[in-house]
Amino acid sequence: MASDPKASKEPVLKAVYQAPRTSQETAEPSAHTFTRQLSASIPPPGENSTAERTKYLAELRGSIVSLQADVNAFLTEKMEEDKLRDAQGSATIDDKTEEDNYGEEVVDDDE
């Protein structure tokens, strides 16, 4: 199947998110790419009317808002995964403490 050369020249709005590496990771975190296809590129200077520029900028603005919503949803999902992972990690510690104290009376030191 041959690719359409015109399709490859259509403008694309692209954002790449690269998570920072944590101390537990040994490999580079993978990047997540967000893209939005634009229907037209900005016309060259002198060959465009105000209406064409306005149309292009309106589409660009809408695409940016949509792309930002995708990024926000992705990051929110990642934050929820991190919270769940952290909660599971602290539960493991609590289980260990309970196991160590099994059968013993534990007195709070707050008094």
PDB file of N, CA and C in Angstrom:
ATOM      1  N   MET A   1       0.851  -1.173   0.000  1.00  0.00           N
ATOM      2  CA  MET A   1       0.000   0.000   0.000  1.00  0.00           C
ATOM      3  C   MET A   1       0.898   1.238   0.000  1.00  0.00           C
ATOM      4  N   ALA A   2       0.755   2.075  -0.961  1.00  0.00           N
ATOM      5  CA  ALA A   2       1.574   3.283  -1.087  1.00  0.00           C
ATOM      6  C   ALA A   2       0.998   4.386  -0.218  1.00  0.00           C
ATOM      7  N   SER A   3       1.893   5.184   0.356  1.00  0.00           N
ATOM      8  CA  SER A   3       1.415   6.289   1.188  1.00  0.00           C
ATOM      9  C   SER A   3       1.176   7.515   0.318  1.00  0.00           C
ATOM     10  N   ASP A   4       0.239   8.311   0.741  1.00  0.00           N
ATOM     11  CA  ASP A   4      -0.108   9.529   0.021  1.00  0.00           C
ATOM     12  C   ASP A   4       0.875  10.627   0.422  1.00  0.00           C
ATOM     13  N   PRO A   5       1.680  11.153  -0.520  1.00  0.00           N
ATOM     14  CA  PRO A   5       2.657  12.174  -0.157  1.00  0.00           C
ATOM     15  C   PRO A   5       2.015  13.439   0.399  1.00  0.00           C
ATOM     16  N   LYS A   6       0.800  13.752  -0.028  1.00  0.00           N
ATOM     17  CA  LYS A   6       0.126  14.946   0.479  1.00  0.00           C
ATOM     18  C   LYS A   6      -0.254  14.769   1.945  1.00  0.00           C
ATOM     19  N   ALA A   7      -0.649  13.555   2.324  1.00  0.00           N
ATOM     20  CA  ALA A   7      -1.061  13.295   3.702  1.00  0.00           C
ATOM     21  C   ALA A   7       0.089  13.515   4.672  1.00  0.00           C
ATOM     22  N   SER A   8       1.306  13.230   4.238  1.00  0.00           N
ATOM     23  CA  SER A   8       2.448  13.390   5.131  1.00  0.00           C
ATOM     24  C   SER A   8       2.813  14.856   5.342  1.00  0.00           C
ATOM     25  N   LYS A   9       2.303  15.746   4.485  1.00  0.00           N
ATOM     26  CA  LYS A   9       2.623  17.164   4.607  1.00  0.00           C
ATOM     27  C   LYS A   9       1.560  17.946   5.361  1.00  0.00           C
ATOM     28  N   GLU A  10       0.491  17.281   5.769  1.00  0.00           N
ATOM     29  CA  GLU A  10      -0.543  17.977   6.523  1.00  0.00           C
ATOM     30  C   GLU A  10       0.023  18.354   7.884  1.00  0.00           C
ATOM     31  N   PRO A  11      -0.311  19.542   8.355  1.00  0.00           N
ATOM     32  CA  PRO A  11       0.238  19.990   9.635  1.00  0.00           C
ATOM     33  C   PRO A  11      -0.318  19.189  10.813  1.00  0.00           C
ATOM     34  N   VAL A  12       0.545  18.961  11.774  1.00  0.00           N
ATOM     35  CA  VAL A  12       0.181  18.207  12.964  1.00  0.00           C
ATOM     36  C   VAL A  12       0.609  18.999  14.197  1.00  0.00           C
ATOM     37  N   LEU A  13      -0.275  19.105  15.151  1.00  0.00           N
ATOM     38  CA  LEU A  13       0.042  19.693  16.443  1.00  0.00           C
ATOM     39  C   LEU A  13       0.467  18.532  17.332  1.00  0.00           C
ATOM     40  N   LYS A  14       1.642  18.624  17.931  1.00  0.00           N
ATOM     41  CA  LYS A  14       2.206  17.489  18.659  1.00  0.00           C
ATOM     42  C   LYS A  14       2.765  17.938  20.003  1.00  0.00           C
ATOM     43  N   ALA A  15       2.500  17.133  21.043  1.00  0.00           N
ATOM     44  CA  ALA A  15       3.073  17.360  22.374  1.00  0.00           C
ATOM     45  C   ALA A  15       3.623  16.029  22.862  1.00  0.00           C
ATOM     46  N   VAL A  16       4.791  16.060  23.489  1.00  0.00           N
ATOM     47  CA  VAL A  16       5.417  14.845  24.003  1.00  0.00           C
ATOM     48  C   VAL A  16       5.630  15.010  25.501  1.00  0.00           C
ATOM     49  N   TYR A  17       5.150  14.024  26.272  1.00  0.00           N
ATOM     50  CA  TYR A  17       5.360  14.028  27.721  1.00  0.00           C
ATOM     51  C   TYR A  17       6.371  12.950  28.067  1.00  0.00           C
ATOM     52  N   GLN A  18       7.420  13.333  28.756  1.00  0.00           N
ATOM     53  CA  GLN A  18       8.444  12.400  29.226  1.00  0.00           C
ATOM     54  C   GLN A  18       8.456  12.492  30.748  1.00  0.00           C
ATOM     55  N   ALA A  19       8.068  11.421  31.411  1.00  0.00           N
ATOM     56  CA  ALA A  19       8.049  11.420  32.873  1.00  0.00           C
ATOM     57  C   ALA A  19       9.473  11.457  33.399  1.00  0.00           C
ATOM     58  N   PRO A  20       9.672  12.121  34.522  1.00  0.00           N
ATOM     59  CA  PRO A  20      11.013  12.113  35.112  1.00  0.00           C
ATOM     60  C   PRO A  20      11.355  10.715  35.619  1.00  0.00           C
ATOM     61  N   ARG A  21      12.619  10.391  35.610  1.00  0.00           N
ATOM     62  CA  ARG A  21      13.066   9.081  36.089  1.00  0.00           C
ATOM     63  C   ARG A  21      13.060   9.099  37.616  1.00  0.00           C
ATOM     64  N   THR A  22      12.525   8.044  38.212  1.00  0.00           N
ATOM     65  CA  THR A  22      12.536   7.929  39.669  1.00  0.00           C
ATOM     66  C   THR A  22      13.726   7.086  40.094  1.00  0.00           C
ATOM     67  N   SER A  23      14.029   7.103  41.373  1.00  0.00           N
ATOM     68  CA  SER A  23      15.182   6.351  41.869  1.00  0.00           C
ATOM     69  C   SER A  23      14.982   4.847  41.727  1.00  0.00           C
ATOM     70  N   GLN A  24      13.732   4.389  41.630  1.00  0.00           N
ATOM     71  CA  GLN A  24      13.464   2.958  41.508  1.00  0.00           C
ATOM     72  C   GLN A  24      13.579   2.461  40.069  1.00  0.00           C
ATOM     73  N   GLU A  25      13.561   3.351  39.108  1.00  0.00           N
ATOM     74  CA  GLU A  25      13.594   2.949  37.703  1.00  0.00           C
ATOM     75  C   GLU A  25      15.033   2.851  37.215  1.00  0.00           C
ATOM     76  N   THR A  26      15.293   1.806  36.459  1.00  0.00           N
ATOM     77  CA  THR A  26      16.626   1.664  35.880  1.00  0.00           C
ATOM     78  C   THR A  26      16.632   2.074  34.418  1.00  0.00           C
ATOM     79  N   ALA A  27      15.503   1.937  33.761  1.00  0.00           N
ATOM     80  CA  ALA A  27      15.409   2.301  32.340  1.00  0.00           C
ATOM     81  C   ALA A  27      14.798   3.688  32.194  1.00  0.00           C
ATOM     82  N   GLU A  28      15.068   4.288  31.061  1.00  0.00           N
ATOM     83  CA  GLU A  28      14.486   5.601  30.746  1.00  0.00           C
ATOM     84  C   GLU A  28      12.971   5.442  30.609  1.00  0.00           C
ATOM     85  N   PRO A  29      12.173   6.280  31.293  1.00  0.00           N
ATOM     86  CA  PRO A  29      10.718   6.182  31.143  1.00  0.00           C
ATOM     87  C   PRO A  29      10.308   6.459  29.696  1.00  0.00           C
ATOM     88  N   SER A  30       9.283   5.770  29.266  1.00  0.00           N
ATOM     89  CA  SER A  30       8.841   5.971  27.890  1.00  0.00           C
ATOM     90  C   SER A  30       8.130   7.314  27.745  1.00  0.00           C
ATOM     91  N   ALA A  31       8.199   7.841  26.555  1.00  0.00           N
ATOM     92  CA  ALA A  31       7.539   9.114  26.251  1.00  0.00           C
ATOM     93  C   ALA A  31       6.128   8.823  25.750  1.00  0.00           C
ATOM     94  N   HIS A  32       5.222   9.720  26.041  1.00  0.00           N
ATOM     95  CA  HIS A  32       3.850   9.602  25.547  1.00  0.00           C
ATOM     96  C   HIS A  32       3.596  10.783  24.622  1.00  0.00           C
ATOM     97  N   THR A  33       3.171  10.491  23.399  1.00  0.00           N
ATOM     98  CA  THR A  33       2.970  11.531  22.394  1.00  0.00           C
ATOM     99  C   THR A  33       1.479  11.763  22.167  1.00  0.00           C
ATOM    100  N   PHE A  34       1.115  13.018  22.137  1.00  0.00           N
ATOM    101  CA  PHE A  34      -0.258  13.439  21.863  1.00  0.00           C
ATOM    102  C   PHE A  34      -0.235  14.204  20.547  1.00  0.00           C
ATOM    103  N   THR A  35      -1.151  13.912  19.639  1.00  0.00           N
ATOM    104  CA  THR A  35      -1.170  14.614  18.354  1.00  0.00           C
ATOM    105  C   THR A  35      -2.593  15.018  17.974  1.00  0.00           C
ATOM    106  N   ARG A  36      -2.662  16.063  17.204  1.00  0.00           N
ATOM    107  CA  ARG A  36      -3.908  16.537  16.604  1.00  0.00           C
ATOM    108  C   ARG A  36      -3.595  16.920  15.170  1.00  0.00           C
ATOM    109  N   GLN A  37      -4.336  16.360  14.254  1.00  0.00           N
ATOM    110  CA  GLN A  37      -4.179  16.687  12.834  1.00  0.00           C
ATOM    111  C   GLN A  37      -4.921  17.991  12.556  1.00  0.00           C
ATOM    112  N   LEU A  38      -4.255  18.910  11.889  1.00  0.00           N
ATOM    113  CA  LEU A  38      -4.894  20.165  11.485  1.00  0.00           C
ATOM    114  C   LEU A  38      -5.333  20.023  10.034  1.00  0.00           C
ATOM    115  N   SER A  39      -6.434  20.655   9.684  1.00  0.00           N
ATOM    116  CA  SER A  39      -6.947  20.511   8.320  1.00  0.00           C
ATOM    117  C   SER A  39      -6.151  21.324   7.310  1.00  0.00           C
ATOM    118  N   ALA A  40      -5.498  22.375   7.758  1.00  0.00           N
ATOM    119  CA  ALA A  40      -4.729  23.205   6.824  1.00  0.00           C
ATOM    120  C   ALA A  40      -3.594  23.879   7.570  1.00  0.00           C
ATOM    121  N   SER A  41      -2.537  24.166   6.833  1.00  0.00           N
ATOM    122  CA  SER A  41      -1.436  24.910   7.439  1.00  0.00           C
ATOM    123  C   SER A  41      -1.674  26.398   7.214  1.00  0.00           C
ATOM    124  N   ILE A  42      -0.919  27.196   7.938  1.00  0.00           N
ATOM    125  CA  ILE A  42      -1.073  28.639   7.783  1.00  0.00           C
ATOM    126  C   ILE A  42      -0.601  29.023   6.383  1.00  0.00           C
ATOM    127  N   PRO A  43      -1.372  29.801   5.674  1.00  0.00           N
ATOM    128  CA  PRO A  43      -0.974  30.206   4.322  1.00  0.00           C
ATOM    129  C   PRO A  43       0.291  31.076   4.362  1.00  0.00           C
ATOM    130  N   PRO A  44       1.108  31.008   3.324  1.00  0.00           N
ATOM    131  CA  PRO A  44       2.317  31.839   3.284  1.00  0.00           C
ATOM    132  C   PRO A  44       1.955  33.322   3.339  1.00  0.00           C
ATOM    133  N   PRO A  45       2.853  34.144   3.893  1.00  0.00           N
ATOM    134  CA  PRO A  45       2.583  35.583   3.963  1.00  0.00           C
ATOM    135  C   PRO A  45       2.299  36.166   2.576  1.00  0.00           C
ATOM    136  N   GLY A  46       1.358  37.050   2.514  1.00  0.00           N
ATOM    137  CA  GLY A  46       1.006  37.705   1.262  1.00  0.00           C
ATOM    138  C   GLY A  46       0.018  36.935   0.416  1.00  0.00           C
ATOM    139  N   GLU A  47      -0.159  35.642   0.703  1.00  0.00           N
ATOM    140  CA  GLU A  47      -1.077  34.820  -0.090  1.00  0.00           C
ATOM    141  C   GLU A  47      -2.348  34.487   0.678  1.00  0.00           C
ATOM    142  N   ASN A  48      -2.546  35.133   1.790  1.00  0.00           N
ATOM    143  CA  ASN A  48      -3.706  34.773   2.584  1.00  0.00           C
ATOM    144  C   ASN A  48      -4.525  36.002   2.958  1.00  0.00           C
ATOM    145  N   SER A  49      -5.760  35.734   3.191  1.00  0.00           N
ATOM    146  CA  SER A  49      -6.646  36.817   3.617  1.00  0.00           C
ATOM    147  C   SER A  49      -6.787  36.756   5.135  1.00  0.00           C
ATOM    148  N   THR A  50      -7.330  37.800   5.669  1.00  0.00           N
ATOM    149  CA  THR A  50      -7.573  37.832   7.111  1.00  0.00           C
ATOM    150  C   THR A  50      -8.520  36.712   7.513  1.00  0.00           C
ATOM    151  N   ALA A  51      -9.492  36.420   6.680  1.00  0.00           N
ATOM    152  CA  ALA A  51     -10.453  35.353   6.975  1.00  0.00           C
ATOM    153  C   ALA A  51      -9.748  33.994   7.048  1.00  0.00           C
ATOM    154  N   GLU A  52      -8.795  33.737   6.133  1.00  0.00           N
ATOM    155  CA  GLU A  52      -8.060  32.465   6.149  1.00  0.00           C
ATOM    156  C   GLU A  52      -7.202  32.344   7.406  1.00  0.00           C
ATOM    157  N   ARG A  53      -6.530  33.427   7.768  1.00  0.00           N
ATOM    158  CA  ARG A  53      -5.702  33.405   8.981  1.00  0.00           C
ATOM    159  C   ARG A  53      -6.567  33.200  10.214  1.00  0.00           C
ATOM    160  N   THR A  54      -7.700  33.882  10.254  1.00  0.00           N
ATOM    161  CA  THR A  54      -8.608  33.750  11.394  1.00  0.00           C
ATOM    162  C   THR A  54      -9.122  32.320  11.505  1.00  0.00           C
ATOM    163  N   LYS A  55      -9.478  31.723  10.382  1.00  0.00           N
ATOM    164  CA  LYS A  55      -9.954  30.336  10.365  1.00  0.00           C
ATOM    165  C   LYS A  55      -8.862  29.398  10.869  1.00  0.00           C
ATOM    166  N   TYR A  56      -7.639  29.585  10.380  1.00  0.00           N
ATOM    167  CA  TYR A  56      -6.521  28.740  10.795  1.00  0.00           C
ATOM    168  C   TYR A  56      -6.263  28.880  12.294  1.00  0.00           C
ATOM    169  N   LEU A  57      -6.218  30.115  12.779  1.00  0.00           N
ATOM    170  CA  LEU A  57      -5.935  30.345  14.195  1.00  0.00           C
ATOM    171  C   LEU A  57      -7.046  29.799  15.094  1.00  0.00           C
ATOM    172  N   ALA A  58      -8.292  29.881  14.645  1.00  0.00           N
ATOM    173  CA  ALA A  58      -9.409  29.320  15.411  1.00  0.00           C
ATOM    174  C   ALA A  58      -9.271  27.800  15.509  1.00  0.00           C
ATOM    175  N   GLU A  59      -8.915  27.161  14.396  1.00  0.00           N
ATOM    176  CA  GLU A  59      -8.717  25.707  14.411  1.00  0.00           C
ATOM    177  C   GLU A  59      -7.536  25.340  15.309  1.00  0.00           C
ATOM    178  N   LEU A  60      -6.456  26.099  15.212  1.00  0.00           N
ATOM    179  CA  LEU A  60      -5.276  25.843  16.028  1.00  0.00           C
ATOM    180  C   LEU A  60      -5.613  25.967  17.516  1.00  0.00           C
ATOM    181  N   ARG A  61      -6.341  27.012  17.867  1.00  0.00           N
ATOM    182  CA  ARG A  61      -6.724  27.219  19.268  1.00  0.00           C
ATOM    183  C   ARG A  61      -7.580  26.060  19.768  1.00  0.00           C
ATOM    184  N   GLY A  62      -8.550  25.633  18.972  1.00  0.00           N
ATOM    185  CA  GLY A  62      -9.395  24.501  19.354  1.00  0.00           C
ATOM    186  C   GLY A  62      -8.595  23.221  19.521  1.00  0.00           C
ATOM    187  N   SER A  63      -7.630  23.015  18.639  1.00  0.00           N
ATOM    188  CA  SER A  63      -6.781  21.826  18.725  1.00  0.00           C
ATOM    189  C   SER A  63      -5.905  21.862  19.970  1.00  0.00           C
ATOM    190  N   ILE A  64      -5.415  23.038  20.318  1.00  0.00           N
ATOM    191  CA  ILE A  64      -4.590  23.180  21.521  1.00  0.00           C
ATOM    192  C   ILE A  64      -5.411  22.854  22.766  1.00  0.00           C
ATOM    193  N   VAL A  65      -6.631  23.360  22.836  1.00  0.00           N
ATOM    194  CA  VAL A  65      -7.502  23.087  23.981  1.00  0.00           C
ATOM    195  C   VAL A  65      -7.780  21.587  24.078  1.00  0.00           C
ATOM    196  N   SER A  66      -8.059  20.954  22.950  1.00  0.00           N
ATOM    197  CA  SER A  66      -8.328  19.523  22.924  1.00  0.00           C
ATOM    198  C   SER A  66      -7.095  18.717  23.334  1.00  0.00           C
ATOM    199  N   LEU A  67      -5.948  19.107  22.826  1.00  0.00           N
ATOM    200  CA  LEU A  67      -4.696  18.431  23.160  1.00  0.00           C
ATOM    201  C   LEU A  67      -4.396  18.581  24.651  1.00  0.00           C
ATOM    202  N   GLN A  68      -4.619  19.763  25.194  1.00  0.00           N
ATOM    203  CA  GLN A  68      -4.392  20.000  26.625  1.00  0.00           C
ATOM    204  C   GLN A  68      -5.316  19.130  27.468  1.00  0.00           C
ATOM    205  N   ALA A  69      -6.557  18.954  27.039  1.00  0.00           N
ATOM    206  CA  ALA A  69      -7.493  18.090  27.763  1.00  0.00           C
ATOM    207  C   ALA A  69      -6.987  16.649  27.767  1.00  0.00           C
ATOM    208  N   ASP A  70      -6.439  16.193  26.643  1.00  0.00           N
ATOM    209  CA  ASP A  70      -5.873  14.841  26.570  1.00  0.00           C
ATOM    210  C   ASP A  70      -4.681  14.691  27.512  1.00  0.00           C
ATOM    211  N   VAL A  71      -3.806  15.683  27.533  1.00  0.00           N
ATOM    212  CA  VAL A  71      -2.635  15.651  28.416  1.00  0.00           C
ATOM    213  C   VAL A  71      -3.095  15.625  29.872  1.00  0.00           C
ATOM    214  N   ASN A  72      -4.058  16.470  30.219  1.00  0.00           N
ATOM    215  CA  ASN A  72      -4.562  16.511  31.594  1.00  0.00           C
ATOM    216  C   ASN A  72      -5.173  15.174  32.003  1.00  0.00           C
ATOM    217  N   ALA A  73      -5.948  14.557  31.119  1.00  0.00           N
ATOM    218  CA  ALA A  73      -6.556  13.259  31.420  1.00  0.00           C
ATOM    219  C   ALA A  73      -5.473  12.198  31.620  1.00  0.00           C
ATOM    220  N   PHE A  74      -4.456  12.212  30.775  1.00  0.00           N
ATOM    221  CA  PHE A  74      -3.351  11.258  30.886  1.00  0.00           C
ATOM    222  C   PHE A  74      -2.620  11.433  32.216  1.00  0.00           C
ATOM    223  N   LEU A  75      -2.299  12.676  32.571  1.00  0.00           N
ATOM    224  CA  LEU A  75      -1.565  12.928  33.812  1.00  0.00           C
ATOM    225  C   LEU A  75      -2.408  12.606  35.044  1.00  0.00           C
ATOM    226  N   THR A  76      -3.706  12.862  34.975  1.00  0.00           N
ATOM    227  CA  THR A  76      -4.594  12.507  36.083  1.00  0.00           C
ATOM    228  C   THR A  76      -4.609  10.998  36.279  1.00  0.00           C
ATOM    229  N   GLU A  77      -4.668  10.256  35.183  1.00  0.00           N
ATOM    230  CA  GLU A  77      -4.639   8.795  35.250  1.00  0.00           C
ATOM    231  C   GLU A  77      -3.327   8.315  35.872  1.00  0.00           C
ATOM    232  N   LYS A  78      -2.219   8.922  35.476  1.00  0.00           N
ATOM    233  CA  LYS A  78      -0.911   8.552  36.028  1.00  0.00           C
ATOM    234  C   LYS A  78      -0.845   8.862  37.526  1.00  0.00           C
ATOM    235  N   MET A  79      -1.407   9.999  37.938  1.00  0.00           N
ATOM    236  CA  MET A  79      -1.413  10.354  39.361  1.00  0.00           C
ATOM    237  C   MET A  79      -2.223   9.342  40.166  1.00  0.00           C
ATOM    238  N   GLU A  80      -3.360   8.904  39.621  1.00  0.00           N
ATOM    239  CA  GLU A  80      -4.180   7.910  40.308  1.00  0.00           C
ATOM    240  C   GLU A  80      -3.427   6.588  40.426  1.00  0.00           C
ATOM    241  N   GLU A  81      -2.703   6.192  39.373  1.00  0.00           N
ATOM    242  CA  GLU A  81      -1.894   4.973  39.426  1.00  0.00           C
ATOM    243  C   GLU A  81      -0.812   5.096  40.495  1.00  0.00           C
ATOM    244  N   ASP A  82      -0.174   6.264  40.582  1.00  0.00           N
ATOM    245  CA  ASP A  82       0.862   6.490  41.593  1.00  0.00           C
ATOM    246  C   ASP A  82       0.278   6.425  43.002  1.00  0.00           C
ATOM    247  N   LYS A  83      -0.896   7.026  43.199  1.00  0.00           N
ATOM    248  CA  LYS A  83      -1.543   6.986  44.513  1.00  0.00           C
ATOM    249  C   LYS A  83      -1.858   5.547  44.912  1.00  0.00           C
ATOM    250  N   LEU A  84      -2.374   4.778  43.962  1.00  0.00           N
ATOM    251  CA  LEU A  84      -2.712   3.386  44.228  1.00  0.00           C
ATOM    252  C   LEU A  84      -1.456   2.592  44.571  1.00  0.00           C
ATOM    253  N   ARG A  85      -0.391   2.819  43.820  1.00  0.00           N
ATOM    254  CA  ARG A  85       0.878   2.133  44.064  1.00  0.00           C
ATOM    255  C   ARG A  85       1.421   2.504  45.445  1.00  0.00           C
ATOM    256  N   ASP A  86       1.349   3.781  45.805  1.00  0.00           N
ATOM    257  CA  ASP A  86       1.817   4.227  47.119  1.00  0.00           C
ATOM    258  C   ASP A  86       0.971   3.629  48.238  1.00  0.00           C
ATOM    259  N   ALA A  87      -0.339   3.572  48.039  1.00  0.00           N
ATOM    260  CA  ALA A  87      -1.228   3.004  49.050  1.00  0.00           C
ATOM    261  C   ALA A  87      -0.939   1.519  49.240  1.00  0.00           C
ATOM    262  N   GLN A  88      -0.669   0.820  48.162  1.00  0.00           N
ATOM    263  CA  GLN A  88      -0.339  -0.598  48.265  1.00  0.00           C
ATOM    264  C   GLN A  88       1.002  -0.786  48.964  1.00  0.00           C
ATOM    265  N   GLY A  89       1.922   0.121  48.735  1.00  0.00           N
ATOM    266  CA  GLY A  89       3.226   0.053  49.395  1.00  0.00           C
ATOM    267  C   GLY A  89       3.109   0.280  50.886  1.00  0.00           C
ATOM    268  N   SER A  90       2.289   1.250  51.317  1.00  0.00           N
ATOM    269  CA  SER A  90       2.123   1.513  52.748  1.00  0.00           C
ATOM    270  C   SER A  90       1.328   0.397  53.410  1.00  0.00           C
ATOM    271  N   ALA A  91       0.420  -0.235  52.677  1.00  0.00           N
ATOM    272  CA  ALA A  91      -0.327  -1.360  53.229  1.00  0.00           C
ATOM    273  C   ALA A  91       0.615  -2.522  53.507  1.00  0.00           C
ATOM    274  N   THR A  92       1.612  -2.705  52.672  1.00  0.00           N
ATOM    275  CA  THR A  92       2.596  -3.763  52.871  1.00  0.00           C
ATOM    276  C   THR A  92       3.363  -3.517  54.161  1.00  0.00           C
ATOM    277  N   ILE A  93       3.724  -2.284  54.417  1.00  0.00           N
ATOM    278  CA  ILE A  93       4.439  -1.941  55.642  1.00  0.00           C
ATOM    279  C   ILE A  93       3.540  -2.183  56.850  1.00  0.00           C
ATOM    280  N   ASP A  94       2.285  -1.788  56.777  1.00  0.00           N
ATOM    281  CA  ASP A  94       1.351  -2.006  57.877  1.00  0.00           C
ATOM    282  C   ASP A  94       1.157  -3.496  58.128  1.00  0.00           C
ATOM    283  N   ASP A  95       1.078  -4.297  57.078  1.00  0.00           N
ATOM    284  CA  ASP A  95       0.952  -5.742  57.225  1.00  0.00           C
ATOM    285  C   ASP A  95       2.164  -6.309  57.946  1.00  0.00           C
ATOM    286  N   LYS A  96       3.336  -5.825  57.604  1.00  0.00           N
ATOM    287  CA  LYS A  96       4.574  -6.286  58.235  1.00  0.00           C
ATOM    288  C   LYS A  96       4.567  -5.939  59.720  1.00  0.00           C
ATOM    289  N   THR A  97       4.152  -4.727  60.063  1.00  0.00           N
ATOM    290  CA  THR A  97       4.080  -4.307  61.463  1.00  0.00           C
ATOM    291  C   THR A  97       3.086  -5.166  62.225  1.00  0.00           C
ATOM    292  N   GLU A  98       1.937  -5.408  61.636  1.00  0.00           N
ATOM    293  CA  GLU A  98       0.932  -6.244  62.283  1.00  0.00           C
ATOM    294  C   GLU A  98       1.454  -7.657  62.487  1.00  0.00           C
ATOM    295  N   GLU A  99       2.160  -8.173  61.514  1.00  0.00           N
ATOM    296  CA  GLU A  99       2.713  -9.513  61.620  1.00  0.00           C
ATOM    297  C   GLU A  99       3.752  -9.581  62.740  1.00  0.00           C
ATOM    298  N   ASP A 100       4.591  -8.548  62.849  1.00  0.00           N
ATOM    299  CA  ASP A 100       5.607  -8.511  63.902  1.00  0.00           C
ATOM    300  C   ASP A 100       4.976  -8.446  65.287  1.00  0.00           C
ATOM    301  N   ASN A 101       3.850  -7.753  65.398  1.00  0.00           N
ATOM    302  CA  ASN A 101       3.195  -7.568  66.693  1.00  0.00           C
ATOM    303  C   ASN A 101       2.095  -8.593  66.959  1.00  0.00           C
ATOM    304  N   TYR A 102       1.974  -9.605  66.146  1.00  0.00           N
ATOM    305  CA  TYR A 102       0.897 -10.576  66.284  1.00  0.00           C
ATOM    306  C   TYR A 102       0.971 -11.245  67.656  1.00  0.00           C
ATOM    307  N   GLY A 103      -0.164 -11.230  68.354  1.00  0.00           N
ATOM    308  CA  GLY A 103      -0.239 -11.873  69.661  1.00  0.00           C
ATOM    309  C   GLY A 103       0.288 -11.019  70.794  1.00  0.00           C
ATOM    310  N   GLU A 104       0.772  -9.835  70.504  1.00  0.00           N
ATOM    311  CA  GLU A 104       1.289  -8.956  71.546  1.00  0.00           C
ATOM    312  C   GLU A 104       0.371  -7.752  71.692  1.00  0.00           C
ATOM    313  N   GLU A 105       0.279  -7.257  72.902  1.00  0.00           N
ATOM    314  CA  GLU A 105      -0.522  -6.062  73.136  1.00  0.00           C
ATOM    315  C   GLU A 105       0.313  -4.849  72.754  1.00  0.00           C
ATOM    316  N   VAL A 106      -0.255  -4.024  71.899  1.00  0.00           N
ATOM    317  CA  VAL A 106       0.455  -2.831  71.451  1.00  0.00           C
ATOM    318  C   VAL A 106      -0.135  -1.639  72.185  1.00  0.00           C
ATOM    319  N   VAL A 107       0.714  -0.905  72.889  1.00  0.00           N
ATOM    320  CA  VAL A 107       0.280   0.258  73.651  1.00  0.00           C
ATOM    321  C   VAL A 107       0.751   1.498  72.918  1.00  0.00           C
ATOM    322  N   ASP A 108      -0.164   2.461  72.747  1.00  0.00           N
ATOM    323  CA  ASP A 108       0.211   3.716  72.093  1.00  0.00           C
ATOM    324  C   ASP A 108       1.144   4.496  72.996  1.00  0.00           C
ATOM    325  N   ASP A 109       2.145   5.119  72.410  1.00  0.00           N
ATOM    326  CA  ASP A 109       3.101   5.923  73.160  1.00  0.00           C
ATOM    327  C   ASP A 109       2.667   7.375  73.262  1.00  0.00           C
ATOM    328  N   ASP A 110       1.445   7.696  72.834  1.00  0.00           N
ATOM    329  CA  ASP A 110       0.974   9.078  72.816  1.00  0.00           C
ATOM    330  C   ASP A 110       0.673   9.616  74.205  1.00  0.00           C
ATOM    331  N   GLU A 111       0.429   8.761  75.166  1.00  0.00           N
ATOM    332  CA  GLU A 111       0.000   9.210  76.494  1.00  0.00           C
ATOM    333  C   GLU A 111       1.146   9.639  77.346  1.00  0.00           C
TER     334      GLU A 111
END
